[in-house]
Amino acid sequence: MEEYNTDTKMIACTFENGNVAKKGLRHVTVGAIAVNDHNEVLLVKRAAHLLNGGKYTIPGGFLDRDENAAQATLRELREEAGYEGEIVQLFRINDNPNRPKEDRQNVDFLYIVKVTGGAKRDNEEVSEIVWFAKDALPEEDAFAFDHRESILKYFDYLETQFPLPILG
């Protein structure tokens, strides 16, 4: 949500948690392409009160102040799904300023993460936590953001092992 503050003559962007940043900043987000031993990816369905509520996405969120992108990815996986993981590879840096289904310009760091422990855990940010094989992925209109595209690129990577990370 953006608003104009007449006292400071700046445009502010408010995050879902209420924090405010100046207009012009691009927000850093992270995401876990979390995988299991069956080559399935983990998706969470966003809670109804969030932007794109009721839509699937990979576990992820905003980078916190005192963490790096890999740490944030593992934190978001724990918070949103209850799983522990290990970073395998930086998969993609998506810096497209015209990403669909977004209310702010995010630069998204997506990591391949091998799930190493934990268990599915309900929380206030998600309404569903599900593992999907490539042939069972929800259709594009069931996704928040552009994460389905990245998941499909991940499955392509499993077949052709092209160089990583993907930029853009």
C-alpha atoms as a PDB file:
ATOM      1  CA  MET A   1       0.000   0.000   0.000  1.00  0.00           C
ATOM      2  CA  GLU A   2       1.419   3.397  -0.957  1.00  0.00           C
ATOM      3  CA  GLU A   3       0.512   6.773   0.505  1.00  0.00           C
ATOM      4  CA  TYR A   4       1.812  10.327   0.274  1.00  0.00           C
ATOM      5  CA  ASN A   5       2.950  11.881   3.557  1.00  0.00           C
ATOM      6  CA  THR A   6       2.474  15.658   3.340  1.00  0.00           C
ATOM      7  CA  ASP A   7       4.622  16.288   6.446  1.00  0.00           C
ATOM      8  CA  THR A   8       7.756  14.788   4.931  1.00  0.00           C
ATOM      9  CA  LYS A   9       6.764  15.146   1.247  1.00  0.00           C
ATOM     10  CA  MET A  10       7.699  11.521   0.602  1.00  0.00           C
ATOM     11  CA  ILE A  11       5.824   8.575  -0.742  1.00  0.00           C
ATOM     12  CA  ALA A  12       5.824   5.624   1.666  1.00  0.00           C
ATOM     13  CA  CYS A  13       5.289   1.920   1.054  1.00  0.00           C
ATOM     14  CA  THR A  14       3.792  -0.108   3.893  1.00  0.00           C
ATOM     15  CA  PHE A  15       4.722  -3.774   4.260  1.00  0.00           C
ATOM     16  CA  GLU A  16       2.193  -6.390   5.374  1.00  0.00           C
ATOM     17  CA  ASN A  17       3.634  -6.189   8.899  1.00  0.00           C
ATOM     18  CA  GLY A  18       3.106  -2.402   9.094  1.00  0.00           C
ATOM     19  CA  ASN A  19       6.716  -1.280   8.527  1.00  0.00           C
ATOM     20  CA  VAL A  20       7.202   1.666   6.149  1.00  0.00           C
ATOM     21  CA  ALA A  21       9.905   2.315   3.519  1.00  0.00           C
ATOM     22  CA  LYS A  22      10.497   5.242   1.179  1.00  0.00           C
ATOM     23  CA  LYS A  23       9.214   5.059  -2.417  1.00  0.00           C
ATOM     24  CA  GLY A  24      11.917   4.213  -4.859  1.00  0.00           C
ATOM     25  CA  LEU A  25      13.371   1.407  -2.808  1.00  0.00           C
ATOM     26  CA  ARG A  26      12.995  -2.056  -4.213  1.00  0.00           C
ATOM     27  CA  HIS A  27      12.206  -4.593  -1.567  1.00  0.00           C
ATOM     28  CA  VAL A  28      14.323  -7.718  -1.139  1.00  0.00           C
ATOM     29  CA  THR A  29      12.375 -10.939  -0.852  1.00  0.00           C
ATOM     30  CA  VAL A  30      13.495 -14.536  -0.609  1.00  0.00           C
ATOM     31  CA  GLY A  31      11.905 -17.835  -1.438  1.00  0.00           C
ATOM     32  CA  ALA A  32      12.584 -21.513  -0.847  1.00  0.00           C
ATOM     33  CA  ILE A  33      12.089 -23.939  -3.690  1.00  0.00           C
ATOM     34  CA  ALA A  34      11.931 -26.616  -1.010  1.00  0.00           C
ATOM     35  CA  VAL A  35      12.328 -30.138  -2.340  1.00  0.00           C
ATOM     36  CA  ASN A  36      12.043 -33.626  -0.908  1.00  0.00           C
ATOM     37  CA  ASP A  37      13.477 -37.004  -1.913  1.00  0.00           C
ATOM     38  CA  HIS A  38      10.575 -37.573  -4.349  1.00  0.00           C
ATOM     39  CA  ASN A  39      11.391 -34.461  -6.480  1.00  0.00           C
ATOM     40  CA  GLU A  40       8.309 -32.705  -5.139  1.00  0.00           C
ATOM     41  CA  VAL A  41       8.224 -28.998  -4.289  1.00  0.00           C
ATOM     42  CA  LEU A  42       6.584 -27.495  -1.236  1.00  0.00           C
ATOM     43  CA  LEU A  43       3.872 -24.896  -1.749  1.00  0.00           C
ATOM     44  CA  VAL A  44       1.959 -22.895   0.817  1.00  0.00           C
ATOM     45  CA  LYS A  45      -1.415 -21.295   0.297  1.00  0.00           C
ATOM     46  CA  ARG A  46      -1.434 -17.715   1.550  1.00  0.00           C
ATOM     47  CA  ALA A  47      -3.877 -16.849   4.328  1.00  0.00           C
ATOM     48  CA  ALA A  48      -6.988 -14.945   3.254  1.00  0.00           C
ATOM     49  CA  HIS A  49      -5.946 -11.689   5.001  1.00  0.00           C
ATOM     50  CA  LEU A  50      -2.723 -11.354   2.943  1.00  0.00           C
ATOM     51  CA  LEU A  51      -2.207  -9.977  -0.563  1.00  0.00           C
ATOM     52  CA  ASN A  52      -3.153 -12.739  -3.022  1.00  0.00           C
ATOM     53  CA  GLY A  53      -4.814 -14.633  -0.163  1.00  0.00           C
ATOM     54  CA  GLY A  54      -5.958 -18.146  -1.031  1.00  0.00           C
ATOM     55  CA  LYS A  55      -3.255 -18.506  -3.703  1.00  0.00           C
ATOM     56  CA  TYR A  56      -0.265 -20.862  -3.740  1.00  0.00           C
ATOM     57  CA  THR A  57       3.316 -19.716  -3.487  1.00  0.00           C
ATOM     58  CA  ILE A  58       6.682 -21.002  -2.364  1.00  0.00           C
ATOM     59  CA  PRO A  59       7.576 -20.305   1.277  1.00  0.00           C
ATOM     60  CA  GLY A  60       9.227 -16.920   1.454  1.00  0.00           C
ATOM     61  CA  GLY A  61       9.036 -13.311   2.468  1.00  0.00           C
ATOM     62  CA  PHE A  62      10.993 -10.174   3.191  1.00  0.00           C
ATOM     63  CA  LEU A  63      14.664 -10.073   4.131  1.00  0.00           C
ATOM     64  CA  ASP A  64      15.093  -8.928   7.735  1.00  0.00           C
ATOM     65  CA  ARG A  65      17.700  -6.361   8.697  1.00  0.00           C
ATOM     66  CA  ASP A  66      20.320  -8.586  10.355  1.00  0.00           C
ATOM     67  CA  GLU A  67      20.307 -11.641   8.100  1.00  0.00           C
ATOM     68  CA  ASN A  68      21.585 -12.616   4.690  1.00  0.00           C
ATOM     69  CA  ALA A  69      19.349 -13.951   1.928  1.00  0.00           C
ATOM     70  CA  ALA A  70      20.137 -17.621   2.624  1.00  0.00           C
ATOM     71  CA  GLN A  71      19.394 -17.216   6.351  1.00  0.00           C
ATOM     72  CA  ALA A  72      16.130 -15.434   5.538  1.00  0.00           C
ATOM     73  CA  THR A  73      15.114 -18.240   3.180  1.00  0.00           C
ATOM     74  CA  LEU A  74      15.579 -20.889   5.861  1.00  0.00           C
ATOM     75  CA  ARG A  75      13.787 -18.714   8.439  1.00  0.00           C
ATOM     76  CA  GLU A  76      10.806 -18.227   6.136  1.00  0.00           C
ATOM     77  CA  LEU A  77      10.645 -21.976   5.444  1.00  0.00           C
ATOM     78  CA  ARG A  78      10.514 -22.637   9.224  1.00  0.00           C
ATOM     79  CA  GLU A  79       7.989 -19.869   9.912  1.00  0.00           C
ATOM     80  CA  GLU A  80       5.605 -20.605   7.054  1.00  0.00           C
ATOM     81  CA  ALA A  81       5.792 -24.383   6.826  1.00  0.00           C
ATOM     82  CA  GLY A  82       7.531 -25.776   9.927  1.00  0.00           C
ATOM     83  CA  TYR A  83      10.370 -27.432   8.012  1.00  0.00           C
ATOM     84  CA  GLU A  84      14.128 -27.187   8.488  1.00  0.00           C
ATOM     85  CA  GLY A  85      16.289 -27.088   5.411  1.00  0.00           C
ATOM     86  CA  GLU A  86      19.718 -26.859   3.880  1.00  0.00           C
ATOM     87  CA  ILE A  87      20.581 -24.463   1.068  1.00  0.00           C
ATOM     88  CA  VAL A  88      21.597 -26.408  -2.043  1.00  0.00           C
ATOM     89  CA  GLN A  89      22.051 -23.589  -4.561  1.00  0.00           C
ATOM     90  CA  LEU A  90      21.023 -20.035  -5.349  1.00  0.00           C
ATOM     91  CA  PHE A  91      18.562 -20.745  -8.144  1.00  0.00           C
ATOM     92  CA  ARG A  92      17.321 -17.379  -9.390  1.00  0.00           C
ATOM     93  CA  ILE A  93      17.556 -13.650  -8.814  1.00  0.00           C
ATOM     94  CA  ASN A  94      14.366 -12.215 -10.247  1.00  0.00           C
ATOM     95  CA  ASP A  95      14.820  -8.464 -10.590  1.00  0.00           C
ATOM     96  CA  ASN A  96      12.149  -7.832 -13.210  1.00  0.00           C
ATOM     97  CA  PRO A  97      10.531  -4.499 -12.185  1.00  0.00           C
ATOM     98  CA  ASN A  98       7.272  -5.559 -13.848  1.00  0.00           C
ATOM     99  CA  ARG A  99       6.630  -8.832 -12.040  1.00  0.00           C
ATOM    100  CA  PRO A 100       2.946  -9.751 -12.167  1.00  0.00           C
ATOM    101  CA  LYS A 101       0.571  -9.919  -9.183  1.00  0.00           C
ATOM    102  CA  GLU A 102       2.725  -7.706  -6.942  1.00  0.00           C
ATOM    103  CA  ASP A 103       1.832  -4.526  -5.097  1.00  0.00           C
ATOM    104  CA  ARG A 104       5.470  -3.379  -4.826  1.00  0.00           C
ATOM    105  CA  GLN A 105       8.673  -3.952  -6.776  1.00  0.00           C
ATOM    106  CA  ASN A 106      10.489  -6.862  -5.182  1.00  0.00           C
ATOM    107  CA  VAL A 107      13.872  -8.303  -6.059  1.00  0.00           C
ATOM    108  CA  ASP A 108      13.426 -11.990  -5.309  1.00  0.00           C
ATOM    109  CA  PHE A 109      16.273 -14.365  -4.361  1.00  0.00           C
ATOM    110  CA  LEU A 110      15.105 -17.947  -4.843  1.00  0.00           C
ATOM    111  CA  TYR A 111      17.091 -20.828  -3.403  1.00  0.00           C
ATOM    112  CA  ILE A 112      16.837 -24.572  -3.909  1.00  0.00           C
ATOM    113  CA  VAL A 113      16.474 -25.954  -0.395  1.00  0.00           C
ATOM    114  CA  LYS A 114      16.634 -29.602   0.613  1.00  0.00           C
ATOM    115  CA  VAL A 115      14.245 -30.279   3.488  1.00  0.00           C
ATOM    116  CA  THR A 116      16.208 -31.946   6.291  1.00  0.00           C
ATOM    117  CA  GLY A 117      13.736 -32.072   9.163  1.00  0.00           C
ATOM    118  CA  GLY A 118      10.825 -30.533  10.933  1.00  0.00           C
ATOM    119  CA  ALA A 119       7.176 -31.159  10.215  1.00  0.00           C
ATOM    120  CA  LYS A 120       4.274 -29.372   8.612  1.00  0.00           C
ATOM    121  CA  ARG A 121       3.046 -26.728  11.064  1.00  0.00           C
ATOM    122  CA  ASP A 122      -0.017 -24.503  10.715  1.00  0.00           C
ATOM    123  CA  ASN A 123       0.389 -20.763  11.287  1.00  0.00           C
ATOM    124  CA  GLU A 124      -1.375 -17.431  10.669  1.00  0.00           C
ATOM    125  CA  GLU A 125       0.368 -16.736   7.338  1.00  0.00           C
ATOM    126  CA  VAL A 126      -0.737 -19.843   5.442  1.00  0.00           C
ATOM    127  CA  SER A 127      -3.930 -21.851   5.159  1.00  0.00           C
ATOM    128  CA  GLU A 128      -2.440 -24.945   3.522  1.00  0.00           C
ATOM    129  CA  ILE A 129       0.981 -26.623   3.178  1.00  0.00           C
ATOM    130  CA  VAL A 130       1.265 -29.156   0.331  1.00  0.00           C
ATOM    131  CA  TRP A 131       3.934 -31.106  -1.604  1.00  0.00           C
ATOM    132  CA  PHE A 132       3.476 -31.184  -5.397  1.00  0.00           C
ATOM    133  CA  ALA A 133       5.053 -33.209  -8.188  1.00  0.00           C
ATOM    134  CA  LYS A 134       5.631 -31.425 -11.505  1.00  0.00           C
ATOM    135  CA  ASP A 135       2.598 -33.009 -13.176  1.00  0.00           C
ATOM    136  CA  ALA A 136       0.305 -32.086 -10.265  1.00  0.00           C
ATOM    137  CA  LEU A 137       1.182 -28.388  -9.913  1.00  0.00           C
ATOM    138  CA  PRO A 138      -1.782 -26.028  -9.639  1.00  0.00           C
ATOM    139  CA  GLU A 139      -2.567 -23.925 -12.719  1.00  0.00           C
ATOM    140  CA  GLU A 140      -1.127 -20.393 -13.106  1.00  0.00           C
ATOM    141  CA  ASP A 141      -4.299 -18.647 -11.883  1.00  0.00           C
ATOM    142  CA  ALA A 142      -4.039 -20.533  -8.560  1.00  0.00           C
ATOM    143  CA  PHE A 143      -0.634 -18.918  -7.834  1.00  0.00           C
ATOM    144  CA  ALA A 144       0.278 -15.719  -6.082  1.00  0.00           C
ATOM    145  CA  PHE A 145       3.100 -13.808  -7.753  1.00  0.00           C
ATOM    146  CA  ASP A 146       5.183 -15.462 -10.493  1.00  0.00           C
ATOM    147  CA  HIS A 147       6.498 -18.432  -8.567  1.00  0.00           C
ATOM    148  CA  ARG A 148       4.940 -21.086 -10.826  1.00  0.00           C
ATOM    149  CA  GLU A 149       7.282 -19.939 -13.601  1.00  0.00           C
ATOM    150  CA  SER A 150      10.302 -20.410 -11.323  1.00  0.00           C
ATOM    151  CA  ILE A 151       9.110 -23.835 -10.175  1.00  0.00           C
ATOM    152  CA  LEU A 152       8.740 -24.965 -13.786  1.00  0.00           C
ATOM    153  CA  LYS A 153      12.264 -23.659 -14.487  1.00  0.00           C
ATOM    154  CA  TYR A 154      13.452 -25.720 -11.503  1.00  0.00           C
ATOM    155  CA  PHE A 155      11.934 -28.882 -12.980  1.00  0.00           C
ATOM    156  CA  ASP A 156      13.608 -28.021 -16.329  1.00  0.00           C
ATOM    157  CA  TYR A 157      16.895 -27.648 -14.450  1.00  0.00           C
ATOM    158  CA  LEU A 158      16.536 -31.184 -13.058  1.00  0.00           C
ATOM    159  CA  GLU A 159      16.442 -32.471 -16.640  1.00  0.00           C
ATOM    160  CA  THR A 160      19.101 -30.296 -18.312  1.00  0.00           C
ATOM    161  CA  GLN A 161      21.383 -28.947 -15.533  1.00  0.00           C
ATOM    162  CA  PHE A 162      21.835 -25.485 -17.109  1.00  0.00           C
ATOM    163  CA  PRO A 163      24.121 -22.941 -15.356  1.00  0.00           C
ATOM    164  CA  LEU A 164      22.809 -21.295 -12.188  1.00  0.00           C
ATOM    165  CA  PRO A 165      21.775 -18.847 -10.946  1.00  0.00           C
ATOM    166  CA  ILE A 166      19.180 -17.633 -13.420  1.00  0.00           C
ATOM    167  CA  LEU A 167      19.268 -13.841 -13.616  1.00  0.00           C
ATOM    168  CA  GLY A 168      16.077 -11.959 -14.377  1.00  0.00           C
END
